[in-house]
């Protein structure tokens, strides 16, 4: 199967909800990460679609703005691939492409709640071990983080919050490294 990765097209946004329902079921919106996304627009420059030769949507990936205390970060997900097309590299291509785009655009930290083996292959590791926590239930092994820029996770820890909802008592800050 041949597919192409493209920036999310206007019509893809309407197709995402049914794709997510087919991929994850209808109860997916009860998960903690959905509370972080509620009422916030995704990071448009990091929304990508995998499309078939006929233009049909095969998969999608989105990112959302979040904060770790006062440090901006992004939340990967959802990543969805048509159930009949899973296992063909579409999801891996979307993740690799979008993570590269995120780093190229200066995003320093990415958080994901997902399969540790799958995301570990992209360099994600335990977010809890890095000193991060989520404001709700999550399976600890599925809560992961990746520094997209060198040194981005140094001296950063705390509770993940919706973008714009930073605490006022920050103890550690992101040290930016210039390369």
C-alpha atoms as a PDB file:
ATOM      1  CA  UNK A   1       0.000   0.000   0.000  1.00  0.00           C
ATOM      2  CA  UNK A   2       1.232   3.430  -0.916  1.00  0.00           C
ATOM      3  CA  UNK A   3       0.436   6.457   1.221  1.00  0.00           C
ATOM      4  CA  UNK A   4       1.557  10.050   1.493  1.00  0.00           C
ATOM      5  CA  UNK A   5       1.948  12.213   4.579  1.00  0.00           C
ATOM      6  CA  UNK A   6       0.438  15.674   4.229  1.00  0.00           C
ATOM      7  CA  UNK A   7      -0.492  18.534   6.564  1.00  0.00           C
ATOM      8  CA  UNK A   8      -3.997  17.901   7.859  1.00  0.00           C
ATOM      9  CA  UNK A   9      -6.436  18.958   5.147  1.00  0.00           C
ATOM     10  CA  UNK A  10      -9.630  20.896   6.028  1.00  0.00           C
ATOM     11  CA  UNK A  11     -11.847  17.876   5.306  1.00  0.00           C
ATOM     12  CA  UNK A  12      -9.660  15.566   7.435  1.00  0.00           C
ATOM     13  CA  UNK A  13     -10.706  17.299  10.657  1.00  0.00           C
ATOM     14  CA  UNK A  14     -14.311  16.155  10.144  1.00  0.00           C
ATOM     15  CA  UNK A  15     -13.135  12.598   9.413  1.00  0.00           C
ATOM     16  CA  UNK A  16     -10.966  12.371  12.543  1.00  0.00           C
ATOM     17  CA  UNK A  17     -13.757  11.738  15.066  1.00  0.00           C
ATOM     18  CA  UNK A  18     -15.180   8.714  13.223  1.00  0.00           C
ATOM     19  CA  UNK A  19     -11.633   7.405  12.660  1.00  0.00           C
ATOM     20  CA  UNK A  20     -10.872   7.767  16.374  1.00  0.00           C
ATOM     21  CA  UNK A  21     -14.141   5.998  17.265  1.00  0.00           C
ATOM     22  CA  UNK A  22     -13.219   3.069  15.006  1.00  0.00           C
ATOM     23  CA  UNK A  23      -9.686   2.944  16.359  1.00  0.00           C
ATOM     24  CA  UNK A  24     -10.196   3.526  20.098  1.00  0.00           C
ATOM     25  CA  UNK A  25     -13.929   3.143  20.781  1.00  0.00           C
ATOM     26  CA  UNK A  26     -16.488   5.589  22.052  1.00  0.00           C
ATOM     27  CA  UNK A  27     -15.300   5.707  25.680  1.00  0.00           C
ATOM     28  CA  UNK A  28     -11.922   7.194  24.689  1.00  0.00           C
ATOM     29  CA  UNK A  29     -13.020  10.695  25.654  1.00  0.00           C
ATOM     30  CA  UNK A  30     -13.144   9.696  29.336  1.00  0.00           C
ATOM     31  CA  UNK A  31      -9.350   9.415  29.480  1.00  0.00           C
ATOM     32  CA  UNK A  32      -7.205  11.965  31.308  1.00  0.00           C
ATOM     33  CA  UNK A  33      -5.548  13.262  28.130  1.00  0.00           C
ATOM     34  CA  UNK A  34      -8.911  14.337  26.750  1.00  0.00           C
ATOM     35  CA  UNK A  35      -9.359  16.714  29.697  1.00  0.00           C
ATOM     36  CA  UNK A  36      -6.050  18.331  28.729  1.00  0.00           C
ATOM     37  CA  UNK A  37      -7.282  18.776  25.146  1.00  0.00           C
ATOM     38  CA  UNK A  38     -10.816  19.981  25.909  1.00  0.00           C
ATOM     39  CA  UNK A  39     -11.596  23.409  24.514  1.00  0.00           C
ATOM     40  CA  UNK A  40      -8.115  23.899  23.069  1.00  0.00           C
ATOM     41  CA  UNK A  41      -7.199  23.823  19.399  1.00  0.00           C
ATOM     42  CA  UNK A  42      -4.480  21.390  18.336  1.00  0.00           C
ATOM     43  CA  UNK A  43      -1.099  22.713  17.220  1.00  0.00           C
ATOM     44  CA  UNK A  44      -2.020  23.154  13.545  1.00  0.00           C
ATOM     45  CA  UNK A  45       1.565  22.962  12.268  1.00  0.00           C
ATOM     46  CA  UNK A  46       1.866  19.454  13.788  1.00  0.00           C
ATOM     47  CA  UNK A  47      -1.385  17.932  12.516  1.00  0.00           C
ATOM     48  CA  UNK A  48      -0.682  15.460   9.728  1.00  0.00           C
ATOM     49  CA  UNK A  49      -2.684  12.968   7.716  1.00  0.00           C
ATOM     50  CA  UNK A  50      -1.710   9.794   5.905  1.00  0.00           C
ATOM     51  CA  UNK A  51      -3.641   9.603   2.657  1.00  0.00           C
ATOM     52  CA  UNK A  52      -4.108   6.837   0.119  1.00  0.00           C
ATOM     53  CA  UNK A  53      -3.478   7.271  -3.590  1.00  0.00           C
ATOM     54  CA  UNK A  54      -7.187   8.037  -4.050  1.00  0.00           C
ATOM     55  CA  UNK A  55      -6.990  10.776  -1.390  1.00  0.00           C
ATOM     56  CA  UNK A  56      -8.785   8.788   1.300  1.00  0.00           C
ATOM     57  CA  UNK A  57      -7.762   9.258   4.916  1.00  0.00           C
ATOM     58  CA  UNK A  58      -5.756   6.305   6.284  1.00  0.00           C
ATOM     59  CA  UNK A  59      -4.440   7.836   9.484  1.00  0.00           C
ATOM     60  CA  UNK A  60      -3.881  11.012  11.425  1.00  0.00           C
ATOM     61  CA  UNK A  61      -1.786  12.489  14.189  1.00  0.00           C
ATOM     62  CA  UNK A  62      -2.296  15.626  16.242  1.00  0.00           C
ATOM     63  CA  UNK A  63      -0.468  17.475  19.001  1.00  0.00           C
ATOM     64  CA  UNK A  64      -1.827  19.767  21.697  1.00  0.00           C
ATOM     65  CA  UNK A  65      -0.208  22.573  23.660  1.00  0.00           C
ATOM     66  CA  UNK A  66       0.372  21.753  27.329  1.00  0.00           C
ATOM     67  CA  UNK A  67       2.533  23.044  30.158  1.00  0.00           C
ATOM     68  CA  UNK A  68       4.773  21.437  32.722  1.00  0.00           C
ATOM     69  CA  UNK A  69       4.409  24.019  35.463  1.00  0.00           C
ATOM     70  CA  UNK A  70       5.447  27.116  33.459  1.00  0.00           C
ATOM     71  CA  UNK A  71       7.334  25.264  30.727  1.00  0.00           C
ATOM     72  CA  UNK A  72       5.551  24.885  27.383  1.00  0.00           C
ATOM     73  CA  UNK A  73       5.387  21.394  25.916  1.00  0.00           C
ATOM     74  CA  UNK A  74       3.277  19.392  23.474  1.00  0.00           C
ATOM     75  CA  UNK A  75       1.057  16.351  23.957  1.00  0.00           C
ATOM     76  CA  UNK A  76       1.189  13.770  21.178  1.00  0.00           C
ATOM     77  CA  UNK A  77      -2.091  12.211  20.267  1.00  0.00           C
ATOM     78  CA  UNK A  78      -4.240  10.920  19.232  1.00  0.00           C
ATOM     79  CA  UNK A  79      -2.458   8.866  16.628  1.00  0.00           C
ATOM     80  CA  UNK A  80      -5.035   6.867  14.698  1.00  0.00           C
ATOM     81  CA  UNK A  81      -4.794   4.496  11.758  1.00  0.00           C
ATOM     82  CA  UNK A  82      -7.733   2.820  10.037  1.00  0.00           C
ATOM     83  CA  UNK A  83      -8.028  -0.558  11.796  1.00  0.00           C
ATOM     84  CA  UNK A  84      -7.815  -2.480   8.492  1.00  0.00           C
ATOM     85  CA  UNK A  85      -4.583  -0.634   7.615  1.00  0.00           C
ATOM     86  CA  UNK A  86      -2.753  -1.070  10.922  1.00  0.00           C
ATOM     87  CA  UNK A  87       0.622  -2.818  10.873  1.00  0.00           C
ATOM     88  CA  UNK A  88       1.667  -1.314   7.531  1.00  0.00           C
ATOM     89  CA  UNK A  89       3.935   1.434   8.866  1.00  0.00           C
ATOM     90  CA  UNK A  90       1.445   4.278   8.593  1.00  0.00           C
ATOM     91  CA  UNK A  91       1.484   5.091  12.304  1.00  0.00           C
ATOM     92  CA  UNK A  92       5.274   4.846  12.544  1.00  0.00           C
ATOM     93  CA  UNK A  93       5.639   7.173   9.566  1.00  0.00           C
ATOM     94  CA  UNK A  94       3.232   9.712  11.095  1.00  0.00           C
ATOM     95  CA  UNK A  95       5.053   9.675  14.444  1.00  0.00           C
ATOM     96  CA  UNK A  96       8.543   9.952  12.946  1.00  0.00           C
ATOM     97  CA  UNK A  97       7.536  12.729  10.537  1.00  0.00           C
ATOM     98  CA  UNK A  98       5.647  14.756  13.134  1.00  0.00           C
ATOM     99  CA  UNK A  99       8.333  14.463  15.821  1.00  0.00           C
ATOM    100  CA  UNK A 100      10.922  15.717  13.352  1.00  0.00           C
ATOM    101  CA  UNK A 101       8.616  18.603  12.409  1.00  0.00           C
ATOM    102  CA  UNK A 102       8.065  19.436  16.097  1.00  0.00           C
ATOM    103  CA  UNK A 103      11.796  19.622  16.782  1.00  0.00           C
ATOM    104  CA  UNK A 104      12.407  21.632  13.624  1.00  0.00           C
ATOM    105  CA  UNK A 105       9.789  24.142  14.778  1.00  0.00           C
ATOM    106  CA  UNK A 106      11.437  24.557  18.177  1.00  0.00           C
ATOM    107  CA  UNK A 107       9.176  22.459  20.385  1.00  0.00           C
ATOM    108  CA  UNK A 108      11.372  21.188  23.222  1.00  0.00           C
ATOM    109  CA  UNK A 109       9.348  18.570  25.101  1.00  0.00           C
ATOM    110  CA  UNK A 110       6.776  16.026  23.962  1.00  0.00           C
ATOM    111  CA  UNK A 111       4.546  13.957  26.261  1.00  0.00           C
ATOM    112  CA  UNK A 112       2.515  10.917  25.229  1.00  0.00           C
ATOM    113  CA  UNK A 113       0.273   8.384  26.913  1.00  0.00           C
ATOM    114  CA  UNK A 114       0.634   5.236  24.865  1.00  0.00           C
ATOM    115  CA  UNK A 115       2.237   1.845  24.444  1.00  0.00           C
ATOM    116  CA  UNK A 116       5.744   1.995  25.965  1.00  0.00           C
ATOM    117  CA  UNK A 117       7.240  -0.452  23.466  1.00  0.00           C
ATOM    118  CA  UNK A 118       5.794   1.407  20.475  1.00  0.00           C
ATOM    119  CA  UNK A 119       6.810   4.893  21.638  1.00  0.00           C
ATOM    120  CA  UNK A 120      10.058   3.705  23.203  1.00  0.00           C
ATOM    121  CA  UNK A 121      11.281   3.049  19.667  1.00  0.00           C
ATOM    122  CA  UNK A 122      11.019   6.822  19.081  1.00  0.00           C
ATOM    123  CA  UNK A 123      13.037   7.683  22.176  1.00  0.00           C
ATOM    124  CA  UNK A 124      10.243   8.173  24.700  1.00  0.00           C
ATOM    125  CA  UNK A 125      10.869   7.095  28.293  1.00  0.00           C
ATOM    126  CA  UNK A 126       9.090   7.162  31.632  1.00  0.00           C
ATOM    127  CA  UNK A 127       7.653  10.584  32.385  1.00  0.00           C
ATOM    128  CA  UNK A 128       7.240   9.705  36.053  1.00  0.00           C
ATOM    129  CA  UNK A 129      10.964   8.895  36.291  1.00  0.00           C
ATOM    130  CA  UNK A 130      11.619  12.356  34.810  1.00  0.00           C
ATOM    131  CA  UNK A 131       9.580  13.957  37.604  1.00  0.00           C
ATOM    132  CA  UNK A 132       6.363  14.558  35.674  1.00  0.00           C
ATOM    133  CA  UNK A 133       2.819  13.706  36.675  1.00  0.00           C
ATOM    134  CA  UNK A 134      -0.658  13.915  35.169  1.00  0.00           C
ATOM    135  CA  UNK A 135      -3.708  15.413  36.908  1.00  0.00           C
ATOM    136  CA  UNK A 136      -5.752  12.236  36.632  1.00  0.00           C
ATOM    137  CA  UNK A 137      -5.550   8.484  36.350  1.00  0.00           C
ATOM    138  CA  UNK A 138      -3.073   6.975  33.932  1.00  0.00           C
ATOM    139  CA  UNK A 139      -1.214   3.697  33.711  1.00  0.00           C
ATOM    140  CA  UNK A 140       2.299   4.757  34.803  1.00  0.00           C
ATOM    141  CA  UNK A 141       4.129   2.728  32.141  1.00  0.00           C
ATOM    142  CA  UNK A 142       2.085   4.447  29.394  1.00  0.00           C
ATOM    143  CA  UNK A 143       2.961   7.983  30.572  1.00  0.00           C
ATOM    144  CA  UNK A 144       6.110   8.944  28.645  1.00  0.00           C
ATOM    145  CA  UNK A 145       8.196  11.941  27.641  1.00  0.00           C
ATOM    146  CA  UNK A 146      10.833  12.833  25.066  1.00  0.00           C
ATOM    147  CA  UNK A 147      13.151  15.830  24.829  1.00  0.00           C
ATOM    148  CA  UNK A 148      12.958  17.089  21.259  1.00  0.00           C
ATOM    149  CA  UNK A 149      15.768  19.577  21.799  1.00  0.00           C
ATOM    150  CA  UNK A 150      18.993  18.859  23.653  1.00  0.00           C
ATOM    151  CA  UNK A 151      18.683  19.672  27.345  1.00  0.00           C
ATOM    152  CA  UNK A 152      14.968  20.496  27.143  1.00  0.00           C
ATOM    153  CA  UNK A 153      14.077  18.290  30.120  1.00  0.00           C
ATOM    154  CA  UNK A 154      16.858  19.531  32.397  1.00  0.00           C
ATOM    155  CA  UNK A 155      15.445  21.118  35.538  1.00  0.00           C
ATOM    156  CA  UNK A 156      11.853  20.628  34.366  1.00  0.00           C
ATOM    157  CA  UNK A 157       9.422  18.701  36.498  1.00  0.00           C
ATOM    158  CA  UNK A 158       5.885  19.002  37.783  1.00  0.00           C
ATOM    159  CA  UNK A 159       2.276  18.425  36.883  1.00  0.00           C
ATOM    160  CA  UNK A 160       1.130  18.457  33.268  1.00  0.00           C
ATOM    161  CA  UNK A 161      -1.542  21.118  32.744  1.00  0.00           C
ATOM    162  CA  UNK A 162      -3.598  22.540  29.938  1.00  0.00           C
ATOM    163  CA  UNK A 163      -1.835  25.291  28.014  1.00  0.00           C
ATOM    164  CA  UNK A 164      -2.330  28.627  29.718  1.00  0.00           C
ATOM    165  CA  UNK A 165      -2.953  27.041  33.116  1.00  0.00           C
ATOM    166  CA  UNK A 166       0.544  27.319  34.603  1.00  0.00           C
ATOM    167  CA  UNK A 167       1.061  27.368  38.363  1.00  0.00           C
ATOM    168  CA  UNK A 168       2.574  30.477  39.835  1.00  0.00           C
ATOM    169  CA  UNK A 169       5.063  28.699  42.087  1.00  0.00           C
ATOM    170  CA  UNK A 170       7.538  27.317  39.606  1.00  0.00           C
ATOM    171  CA  UNK A 171      10.660  25.847  41.170  1.00  0.00           C
ATOM    172  CA  UNK A 172      12.434  24.752  38.026  1.00  0.00           C
ATOM    173  CA  UNK A 173      12.539  26.235  34.570  1.00  0.00           C
ATOM    174  CA  UNK A 174      13.478  25.032  31.122  1.00  0.00           C
ATOM    175  CA  UNK A 175      17.057  25.918  30.249  1.00  0.00           C
ATOM    176  CA  UNK A 176      17.209  26.572  26.554  1.00  0.00           C
ATOM    177  CA  UNK A 177      20.273  25.331  24.758  1.00  0.00           C
ATOM    178  CA  UNK A 178      21.368  27.060  21.626  1.00  0.00           C
ATOM    179  CA  UNK A 179      22.874  24.802  19.013  1.00  0.00           C
END
